[in-house]
Amino acid sequence: MHAATSEIRSARSRNRPLWISRRSALAPALAFGIALSALGGAVAQAGPAEPIPCQDGSFCTYPHIEYRGEPHRAELRTTALEECVALPPQPEAKSFVNQTGKPVTVYQDPMCDTHAEFSTYPPGSFVPRSEYVARAIKVWPR
C-alpha cells in the first residue's frame, strides 16, 4: 500500500498547475515582477525637467522647449500694461510661463503685428512648446 500511495502522490504532483508545484520559483519571479513594474512607474513619471522658477509677477521665456536654458524674465512691475514689449532677439523664446497674474498676449512679430501668429494666455499658463517663436508680449489689465 505504501508504493500505491507514493504513486498517487506522484501522479497528483504531475497534474498540478505549474504555479502550485513550483512555489519556490514563484516568489522570486513575483518579487522581480513587482520590482520591475515599480521601476517602470518611476521612469514613466520622469517627464520634463522642472523649469527654473518663474516668480510671481513675472513672464518668463526659455530658449529651449520644456523650460530648458536660462530664462529671460519680464517683470510686471517694470512692464507697461497694454504696450508691446519686444523680447530679446537672442536666444529665441521656445517655451514660456505666465506668472504675471494677468492675461498676456504672446506675439510672433517683435512689433506685436497681428498679421503674424499670436495667442493670449491666462495667468498661470505654462507652455512647454510654443507653436512659434515668441518675440513680443503685451500684458493686459484683466
Protein backbone atom coordinates (compact mmCIF):
# COMPACT_ATOMS: atom_id res chain seq x y z
CA MET A 1 0.00 0.00 0.00
CA HIS A 2 2.90 2.31 0.63
CA ALA A 3 4.01 2.06 -3.02
CA ALA A 4 0.46 2.76 -4.24
CA THR A 5 0.22 5.89 -2.07
CA SER A 6 3.55 7.05 -3.41
CA GLU A 7 2.32 6.56 -6.99
CA ILE A 8 -0.87 8.54 -6.30
CA ARG A 9 1.11 11.45 -4.79
CA SER A 10 3.46 11.38 -7.74
CA ALA A 11 0.53 11.46 -10.21
CA ARG A 12 -1.09 14.34 -8.32
CA SER A 13 2.14 16.33 -8.43
CA ARG A 14 2.36 15.89 -12.18
CA ASN A 15 -1.23 17.10 -12.69
CA ARG A 16 -0.91 20.25 -10.56
CA PRO A 17 -0.60 23.58 -12.28
CA LEU A 18 2.96 24.80 -12.57
CA TRP A 19 2.40 27.71 -10.20
CA ILE A 20 1.35 25.33 -7.40
CA SER A 21 4.07 22.77 -7.92
CA ARG A 22 6.81 25.40 -8.23
CA ARG A 23 6.03 27.66 -5.27
CA SER A 24 9.71 28.16 -4.53
CA ALA A 25 10.24 29.63 -8.04
CA LEU A 26 7.07 31.74 -7.90
CA ALA A 27 8.11 34.02 -5.03
CA PRO A 28 11.33 35.34 -6.64
CA ALA A 29 9.61 35.75 -10.01
CA LEU A 30 6.76 37.66 -8.37
CA ALA A 31 9.19 39.87 -6.45
CA PHE A 32 11.13 40.56 -9.65
CA GLY A 33 7.92 41.50 -11.48
CA ILE A 34 6.86 43.88 -8.72
CA ALA A 35 10.31 45.50 -8.64
CA LEU A 36 10.34 45.83 -12.41
CA SER A 37 6.89 47.44 -12.51
CA ALA A 38 7.88 49.86 -9.75
CA LEU A 39 10.97 50.83 -11.74
CA GLY A 40 8.89 51.27 -14.87
CA GLY A 41 6.49 53.53 -13.00
CA ALA A 42 9.35 55.70 -11.80
CA VAL A 43 10.70 56.03 -15.32
CA ALA A 44 7.26 56.83 -16.75
CA GLN A 45 6.76 59.63 -14.22
CA ALA A 46 10.12 61.23 -15.07
CA GLY A 47 8.72 63.77 -17.65
CA PRO A 48 10.19 67.15 -18.49
CA ALA A 49 12.63 68.95 -16.25
CA GLU A 50 11.20 71.43 -13.78
CA PRO A 51 11.50 74.97 -15.08
CA ILE A 52 13.86 77.36 -13.37
CA PRO A 53 11.37 79.10 -11.09
CA CYS A 54 9.42 81.96 -12.58
CA GLN A 55 8.48 84.18 -9.67
CA ASP A 56 5.03 85.63 -9.20
CA GLY A 57 4.68 88.87 -11.14
CA SER A 58 6.91 87.65 -14.00
CA PHE A 59 6.58 86.40 -17.55
CA CYS A 60 9.49 84.02 -18.23
CA THR A 61 10.71 82.81 -21.62
CA TYR A 62 13.13 79.93 -22.16
CA PRO A 63 15.47 79.37 -25.12
CA HIS A 64 14.57 75.69 -25.42
CA ILE A 65 11.39 73.61 -25.25
CA GLU A 66 10.35 72.11 -21.91
CA TYR A 67 11.62 75.19 -20.00
CA ARG A 68 15.30 74.40 -20.53
CA GLY A 69 18.01 77.01 -20.53
CA GLU A 70 18.45 80.30 -18.72
CA PRO A 71 15.13 82.18 -18.64
CA HIS A 72 14.53 85.80 -19.60
CA ARG A 73 12.15 87.49 -17.14
CA ALA A 74 9.80 90.36 -17.91
CA GLU A 75 8.69 91.74 -14.54
CA LEU A 76 5.15 93.07 -14.23
CA ARG A 77 6.32 95.99 -12.10
CA THR A 78 8.60 97.24 -14.91
CA THR A 79 6.33 96.37 -17.86
CA ALA A 80 3.67 98.85 -19.00
CA LEU A 81 0.18 97.41 -19.39
CA GLU A 82 -1.30 97.22 -22.90
CA GLU A 83 2.02 98.16 -24.53
CA CYS A 84 4.05 95.99 -26.90
CA VAL A 85 7.22 94.77 -25.22
CA ALA A 86 9.79 93.20 -27.55
CA LEU A 87 11.63 90.20 -26.14
CA PRO A 88 15.40 89.86 -26.66
CA PRO A 89 16.09 88.54 -30.19
CA GLN A 90 18.62 86.03 -28.88
CA PRO A 91 18.12 83.49 -27.58
CA GLU A 92 14.75 82.79 -29.19
CA ALA A 93 11.89 82.02 -26.80
CA LYS A 94 10.59 78.49 -27.41
CA SER A 95 8.74 77.88 -24.12
CA PHE A 96 7.31 80.26 -21.53
CA VAL A 97 5.45 80.70 -18.24
CA ASN A 98 2.93 83.43 -17.38
CA GLN A 99 3.11 84.19 -13.65
CA THR A 100 2.08 87.86 -14.00
CA GLY A 101 -1.38 87.35 -12.55
CA LYS A 102 -2.75 88.96 -15.72
CA PRO A 103 -3.52 87.76 -19.27
CA VAL A 104 -0.53 88.06 -21.63
CA THR A 105 -0.66 88.05 -25.42
CA VAL A 106 2.42 86.45 -26.98
CA TYR A 107 3.33 87.59 -30.49
CA GLN A 108 5.49 86.06 -33.18
CA ASP A 109 6.16 89.55 -34.55
CA PRO A 110 8.54 91.72 -32.47
CA MET A 111 6.28 94.77 -33.08
CA CYS A 112 3.09 92.92 -31.98
CA ASP A 113 1.75 92.92 -35.53
CA THR A 114 -1.37 90.74 -35.69
CA HIS A 115 -0.60 89.58 -39.25
CA ALA A 116 1.80 87.06 -37.70
CA GLU A 117 0.88 84.40 -35.12
CA PHE A 118 -0.28 85.49 -31.65
CA SER A 119 -2.20 84.00 -28.72
CA THR A 120 -3.38 85.24 -25.33
CA TYR A 121 -2.57 83.16 -22.27
CA PRO A 122 -4.35 83.44 -18.90
CA PRO A 123 -2.44 83.87 -15.63
CA GLY A 124 -0.70 80.67 -14.51
CA SER A 125 -0.14 79.35 -18.06
CA PHE A 126 2.78 77.00 -18.69
CA VAL A 127 3.64 76.48 -22.38
CA PRO A 128 6.40 73.86 -22.74
CA ARG A 129 6.47 74.03 -26.59
CA SER A 130 5.35 77.21 -28.24
CA GLU A 131 3.89 76.79 -31.72
CA TYR A 132 6.01 79.76 -32.83
CA VAL A 133 9.00 81.73 -31.53
CA ALA A 134 7.75 84.33 -29.04
CA ARG A 135 9.21 87.72 -29.99
CA ALA A 136 7.00 90.19 -28.09
CA ILE A 137 4.35 90.31 -25.36
CA LYS A 138 1.53 92.57 -24.27
CA VAL A 139 0.21 92.40 -20.69
CA TRP A 140 -3.49 93.15 -20.20
CA PRO A 141 -5.12 94.60 -17.06
CA ARG A 142 -7.65 91.69 -16.87
